[in-house]
């Protein structure tokens, strides 16, 4: 519940830090005297007549029809983004290939020293500079677990849609869409690689397809996507810095807690960053 409250507060901060969103939210939550939720048309009258009952049914029918159309459009857009994302290797350019090669090379270097990095972080866990950073990651760690956060995201999306609070539906919708689009590759890699976690005590080279789930780190993937979406929706530099600081602290906490190897975290965060960047570029392109 504490993390849910954090998430709600952060969402409002993100919205108010963006000038356009701030105006929209203020109008919808504070300034509008003619505000009407999508699902019902509230009236000031307390009289209940046959005509008002028919009107209520008509409003509900109109809301249901619009919701179906919006949901179908949401699925259509995300199916397009899914195909674009997973067919992107066929369109890779020389420059992109060089970037990919560099990313993989760095990942290989991290992989070579996985155990040494884990040991170094454990030795310095009480260091005055690292301890507050690790504590931040421990506090915010649930933000990277979809089993915990998704119910709040779906609830926020539903309430935002019903009450017509567009900044909430747009931001939360982007988060859910990004998670859904990244999940197939992440889950496939977990099964195929079958890497055991540090806590198993079998070393950094222990792999058994279908058994381990350490590679890549799902928490690191999710929080980097969250940070990328937050940064896209705000013009406030301190908010952008805070979002990525929280994301990186959670990623390091996954190593310190012996839940993932450093290379698991590295590839999870990198994948999350590039997936989100690609999806948001497509969104920006649709808007012209």
Protein backbone atom coordinates (compact mmCIF):
# COMPACT_ATOMS: atom_id res chain seq x y z
CA UNK A 1 0.00 0.00 0.00
CA UNK A 2 2.90 2.36 0.78
CA UNK A 3 4.36 1.82 -2.70
CA UNK A 4 0.91 2.28 -4.26
CA UNK A 5 0.69 5.65 -2.53
CA UNK A 6 4.17 6.52 -3.81
CA UNK A 7 3.13 5.58 -7.32
CA UNK A 8 -0.03 7.69 -7.14
CA UNK A 9 1.87 10.70 -5.83
CA UNK A 10 4.57 10.29 -8.49
CA UNK A 11 1.95 10.06 -11.23
CA UNK A 12 0.36 13.32 -10.11
CA UNK A 13 3.77 14.98 -9.86
CA UNK A 14 4.61 13.81 -13.38
CA UNK A 15 1.35 15.18 -14.70
CA UNK A 16 1.64 18.55 -12.96
CA UNK A 17 5.28 18.91 -14.02
CA UNK A 18 4.15 18.97 -17.64
CA UNK A 19 2.54 22.29 -18.52
CA UNK A 20 -0.08 20.85 -20.87
CA UNK A 21 -1.01 18.03 -18.50
CA UNK A 22 -1.04 20.35 -15.52
CA UNK A 23 -3.62 22.60 -17.16
CA UNK A 24 -5.72 19.61 -18.21
CA UNK A 25 -5.70 18.10 -14.73
CA UNK A 26 -6.47 21.40 -13.03
CA UNK A 27 -9.38 21.95 -15.37
CA UNK A 28 -10.74 18.45 -14.85
CA UNK A 29 -10.12 18.11 -11.12
CA UNK A 30 -10.49 21.66 -9.81
CA UNK A 31 -11.65 24.29 -12.31
CA UNK A 32 -14.40 22.67 -14.32
CA UNK A 33 -17.89 23.32 -13.01
CA UNK A 34 -19.52 21.31 -15.81
CA UNK A 35 -17.51 18.13 -15.19
CA UNK A 36 -19.31 14.94 -16.14
CA UNK A 37 -17.88 11.43 -15.84
CA UNK A 38 -17.93 9.40 -19.04
CA UNK A 39 -20.14 6.69 -17.59
CA UNK A 40 -23.05 8.77 -16.32
CA UNK A 41 -24.48 12.22 -16.88
CA UNK A 42 -25.01 13.59 -13.39
CA UNK A 43 -27.94 15.93 -12.88
CA UNK A 44 -28.72 18.35 -10.10
CA UNK A 45 -32.26 17.03 -9.87
CA UNK A 46 -33.26 14.38 -7.34
CA UNK A 47 -36.36 13.42 -9.32
CA UNK A 48 -36.43 9.92 -10.77
CA UNK A 49 -38.74 9.57 -13.71
CA UNK A 50 -39.16 7.21 -16.60
CA UNK A 51 -37.51 9.70 -18.92
CA UNK A 52 -34.45 10.07 -16.69
CA UNK A 53 -34.16 6.30 -16.45
CA UNK A 54 -34.22 6.03 -20.25
CA UNK A 55 -31.63 8.79 -20.47
CA UNK A 56 -29.36 6.95 -18.01
CA UNK A 57 -29.61 3.75 -20.04
CA UNK A 58 -28.82 5.72 -23.19
CA UNK A 59 -25.76 7.30 -21.58
CA UNK A 60 -24.54 3.91 -20.34
CA UNK A 61 -25.05 2.40 -23.79
CA UNK A 62 -23.12 5.24 -25.38
CA UNK A 63 -20.29 4.82 -22.89
CA UNK A 64 -20.14 1.05 -23.51
CA UNK A 65 -20.04 1.56 -27.27
CA UNK A 66 -17.27 4.15 -27.03
CA UNK A 67 -15.29 1.97 -24.62
CA UNK A 68 -15.46 -0.95 -27.07
CA UNK A 69 -14.28 1.28 -29.94
CA UNK A 70 -11.43 2.71 -27.84
CA UNK A 71 -10.34 -0.75 -26.71
CA UNK A 72 -10.37 -2.06 -30.28
CA UNK A 73 -8.29 0.92 -31.39
CA UNK A 74 -5.89 0.35 -28.49
CA UNK A 75 -5.40 -3.27 -29.54
CA UNK A 76 -4.96 -2.31 -33.20
CA UNK A 77 -2.26 0.25 -32.41
CA UNK A 78 -0.39 -2.10 -30.11
CA UNK A 79 -0.55 -4.95 -32.60
CA UNK A 80 1.04 -2.61 -35.14
CA UNK A 81 3.72 -1.65 -32.61
CA UNK A 82 4.30 -5.31 -31.74
CA UNK A 83 4.92 -6.23 -35.38
CA UNK A 84 7.17 -3.22 -35.86
CA UNK A 85 9.18 -4.01 -32.73
CA UNK A 86 9.77 -7.70 -33.41
CA UNK A 87 10.47 -7.23 -37.11
CA UNK A 88 13.02 -4.46 -36.47
CA UNK A 89 16.08 -6.77 -36.87
CA UNK A 90 15.13 -7.09 -40.55
CA UNK A 91 15.46 -3.31 -40.93
CA UNK A 92 18.70 -2.84 -39.00
CA UNK A 93 21.08 -0.22 -40.40
CA UNK A 94 24.86 -0.21 -40.26
CA UNK A 95 24.84 2.41 -37.52
CA UNK A 96 22.31 0.45 -35.48
CA UNK A 97 24.33 -2.73 -35.96
CA UNK A 98 27.41 -0.97 -34.60
CA UNK A 99 25.46 0.25 -31.59
CA UNK A 100 24.10 -3.24 -31.01
CA UNK A 101 27.58 -4.70 -31.25
CA UNK A 102 28.86 -2.21 -28.68
CA UNK A 103 25.99 -2.96 -26.30
CA UNK A 104 26.57 -6.71 -26.57
CA UNK A 105 30.33 -6.25 -26.12
CA UNK A 106 29.82 -4.28 -22.91
CA UNK A 107 27.35 -6.92 -21.76
CA UNK A 108 29.92 -9.60 -22.44
CA UNK A 109 32.47 -7.74 -20.33
CA UNK A 110 29.97 -7.44 -17.47
CA UNK A 111 29.18 -11.16 -17.82
CA UNK A 112 32.87 -12.02 -17.54
CA UNK A 113 33.05 -10.28 -14.16
CA UNK A 114 29.57 -11.08 -12.80
CA UNK A 115 30.80 -12.78 -9.64
CA UNK A 116 33.41 -10.12 -8.92
CA UNK A 117 30.85 -7.32 -9.24
CA UNK A 118 28.41 -9.11 -6.92
CA UNK A 119 31.15 -9.63 -4.34
CA UNK A 120 32.25 -5.98 -4.55
CA UNK A 121 28.72 -4.69 -4.00
CA UNK A 122 28.20 -7.02 -1.07
CA UNK A 123 31.46 -5.85 0.52
CA UNK A 124 30.42 -2.20 0.19
CA UNK A 125 26.77 -2.55 1.12
CA UNK A 126 27.27 -0.42 4.26
CA UNK A 127 29.40 2.21 2.55
CA UNK A 128 28.00 5.69 3.39
CA UNK A 129 27.61 6.52 -0.31
CA UNK A 130 26.13 3.22 -1.43
CA UNK A 131 23.89 2.37 1.53
CA UNK A 132 21.30 5.17 0.97
CA UNK A 133 21.21 4.30 -2.74
CA UNK A 134 20.62 0.62 -1.94
CA UNK A 135 17.98 1.53 0.65
CA UNK A 136 16.15 3.57 -1.98
CA UNK A 137 16.18 0.54 -4.27
CA UNK A 138 14.85 -1.72 -1.51
CA UNK A 139 12.04 0.71 -0.72
CA UNK A 140 10.96 1.16 -4.34
CA UNK A 141 11.65 -2.44 -5.46
CA UNK A 142 7.93 -3.41 -5.70
CA UNK A 143 7.58 -0.91 -8.58
CA UNK A 144 9.48 -3.43 -10.74
CA UNK A 145 7.18 -6.36 -9.97
CA UNK A 146 4.24 -6.48 -12.38
CA UNK A 147 2.39 -8.91 -10.13
CA UNK A 148 2.24 -6.10 -7.58
CA UNK A 149 1.85 -2.99 -9.74
CA UNK A 150 -0.46 -4.13 -12.53
CA UNK A 151 -3.60 -4.16 -10.40
CA UNK A 152 -2.96 -0.52 -9.52
CA UNK A 153 -2.18 0.39 -13.11
CA UNK A 154 -5.37 -1.27 -14.39
CA UNK A 155 -7.38 0.38 -11.62
CA UNK A 156 -5.90 3.81 -12.37
CA UNK A 157 -6.50 3.34 -16.08
CA UNK A 158 -10.14 2.37 -15.51
CA UNK A 159 -10.81 5.30 -13.18
CA UNK A 160 -9.01 7.71 -15.47
CA UNK A 161 -11.07 6.51 -18.42
CA UNK A 162 -14.40 6.57 -16.58
CA UNK A 163 -13.83 10.06 -15.24
CA UNK A 164 -12.22 11.40 -18.40
CA UNK A 165 -8.82 12.23 -16.86
CA UNK A 166 -6.80 11.89 -20.04
CA UNK A 167 -3.26 12.39 -18.62
CA UNK A 168 -3.80 9.41 -16.30
CA UNK A 169 -5.15 7.11 -19.02
CA UNK A 170 -2.41 8.14 -21.44
CA UNK A 171 0.51 7.64 -19.06
CA UNK A 172 -0.79 4.42 -17.52
CA UNK A 173 -1.83 3.15 -20.95
CA UNK A 174 1.71 3.69 -22.23
CA UNK A 175 3.12 1.80 -19.24
CA UNK A 176 0.83 -1.19 -19.72
CA UNK A 177 1.39 -1.27 -23.48
CA UNK A 178 5.17 -1.11 -23.09
CA UNK A 179 5.13 -3.92 -20.52
CA UNK A 180 2.96 -6.09 -22.75
CA UNK A 181 5.10 -5.57 -25.84
CA UNK A 182 8.38 -6.35 -24.05
CA UNK A 183 7.07 -9.40 -22.20
CA UNK A 184 7.22 -12.07 -24.97
CA UNK A 185 10.95 -11.62 -25.63
CA UNK A 186 11.74 -11.40 -21.92
CA UNK A 187 9.78 -14.55 -21.05
CA UNK A 188 11.30 -16.45 -23.98
CA UNK A 189 14.81 -15.47 -22.89
CA UNK A 190 14.06 -16.62 -19.33
CA UNK A 191 13.05 -20.07 -20.57
CA UNK A 192 15.72 -20.52 -23.24
CA UNK A 193 18.64 -19.24 -21.15
CA UNK A 194 17.50 -20.88 -17.94
CA UNK A 195 20.10 -19.03 -15.94
CA UNK A 196 20.11 -19.69 -12.20
CA UNK A 197 20.02 -16.82 -9.76
CA UNK A 198 22.96 -15.92 -7.50
CA UNK A 199 20.91 -17.04 -4.50
CA UNK A 200 21.01 -20.62 -5.86
CA UNK A 201 24.72 -20.72 -4.99
CA UNK A 202 25.69 -22.48 -8.25
CA UNK A 203 27.87 -19.72 -9.68
CA UNK A 204 27.45 -17.26 -12.52
CA UNK A 205 27.86 -19.87 -15.27
CA UNK A 206 24.95 -22.10 -14.23
CA UNK A 207 22.39 -22.47 -17.03
CA UNK A 208 19.60 -25.00 -17.52
CA UNK A 209 16.90 -24.14 -20.11
CA UNK A 210 13.46 -24.16 -18.57
CA UNK A 211 14.78 -24.14 -15.01
CA UNK A 212 16.34 -20.75 -14.17
CA UNK A 213 14.73 -17.34 -14.63
CA UNK A 214 17.58 -14.95 -13.83
CA UNK A 215 18.30 -13.68 -17.37
CA UNK A 216 17.20 -11.03 -18.09
CA UNK A 217 16.07 -9.17 -14.98
CA UNK A 218 12.34 -8.44 -15.19
CA UNK A 219 12.47 -5.81 -12.44
CA UNK A 220 15.24 -3.92 -14.24
CA UNK A 221 13.36 -4.14 -17.53
CA UNK A 222 10.12 -2.85 -16.01
CA UNK A 223 11.55 0.06 -14.03
CA UNK A 224 13.59 1.28 -16.99
CA UNK A 225 10.44 1.25 -19.11
CA UNK A 226 8.61 3.14 -16.37
CA UNK A 227 11.38 5.74 -16.16
CA UNK A 228 11.41 6.16 -19.94
CA UNK A 229 7.65 6.72 -20.11
CA UNK A 230 7.69 9.15 -17.20
CA UNK A 231 10.49 11.12 -18.86
CA UNK A 232 8.58 11.23 -22.14
CA UNK A 233 5.53 12.72 -20.44
CA UNK A 234 7.25 15.46 -18.45
CA UNK A 235 9.33 18.52 -19.29
CA UNK A 236 10.66 18.77 -15.73
CA UNK A 237 14.35 17.83 -15.54
CA UNK A 238 14.36 17.02 -11.77
CA UNK A 239 11.46 14.61 -12.33
CA UNK A 240 13.34 12.92 -15.18
CA UNK A 241 16.44 12.57 -12.99
CA UNK A 242 14.37 11.20 -10.10
CA UNK A 243 12.69 8.64 -12.35
CA UNK A 244 15.97 7.24 -13.68
CA UNK A 245 17.63 7.42 -10.24
CA UNK A 246 14.87 5.25 -8.78
CA UNK A 247 15.11 2.85 -11.73
CA UNK A 248 18.88 2.45 -11.41
CA UNK A 249 18.67 2.05 -7.62
CA UNK A 250 16.20 -0.81 -8.05
CA UNK A 251 18.46 -2.41 -10.66
CA UNK A 252 21.43 -2.33 -8.27
CA UNK A 253 19.27 -3.61 -5.43
CA UNK A 254 18.49 -6.71 -7.51
CA UNK A 255 22.23 -7.45 -7.61
CA UNK A 256 22.87 -6.68 -3.93
CA UNK A 257 19.91 -8.86 -2.91
CA UNK A 258 21.40 -11.75 -4.96
CA UNK A 259 18.28 -11.96 -7.11
CA UNK A 260 20.15 -11.30 -10.37
CA UNK A 261 23.63 -11.23 -11.82
CA UNK A 262 24.96 -7.87 -13.04
CA UNK A 263 24.72 -8.95 -16.69
CA UNK A 264 21.04 -9.91 -16.14
CA UNK A 265 20.41 -6.39 -14.90
CA UNK A 266 22.48 -4.80 -17.65
CA UNK A 267 20.61 -6.53 -20.48
CA UNK A 268 17.25 -6.03 -18.75
CA UNK A 269 17.72 -2.28 -18.39
CA UNK A 270 19.14 -1.91 -21.90
CA UNK A 271 16.29 -3.85 -23.46
CA UNK A 272 13.71 -1.88 -21.47
CA UNK A 273 15.25 1.43 -22.50
CA UNK A 274 15.31 0.65 -26.22
CA UNK A 275 11.88 -0.99 -26.33
CA UNK A 276 10.29 2.02 -24.66
CA UNK A 277 12.19 4.47 -26.84
CA UNK A 278 11.04 2.65 -29.97
CA UNK A 279 7.40 2.51 -28.88
CA UNK A 280 7.32 6.19 -27.92
CA UNK A 281 8.90 7.15 -31.24
CA UNK A 282 6.10 5.33 -33.04
CA UNK A 283 3.57 7.14 -30.88
CA UNK A 284 5.15 10.50 -31.62
CA UNK A 285 5.16 9.69 -35.34
CA UNK A 286 1.42 8.92 -35.28
CA UNK A 287 0.80 12.32 -33.78
CA UNK A 288 2.84 14.03 -36.46
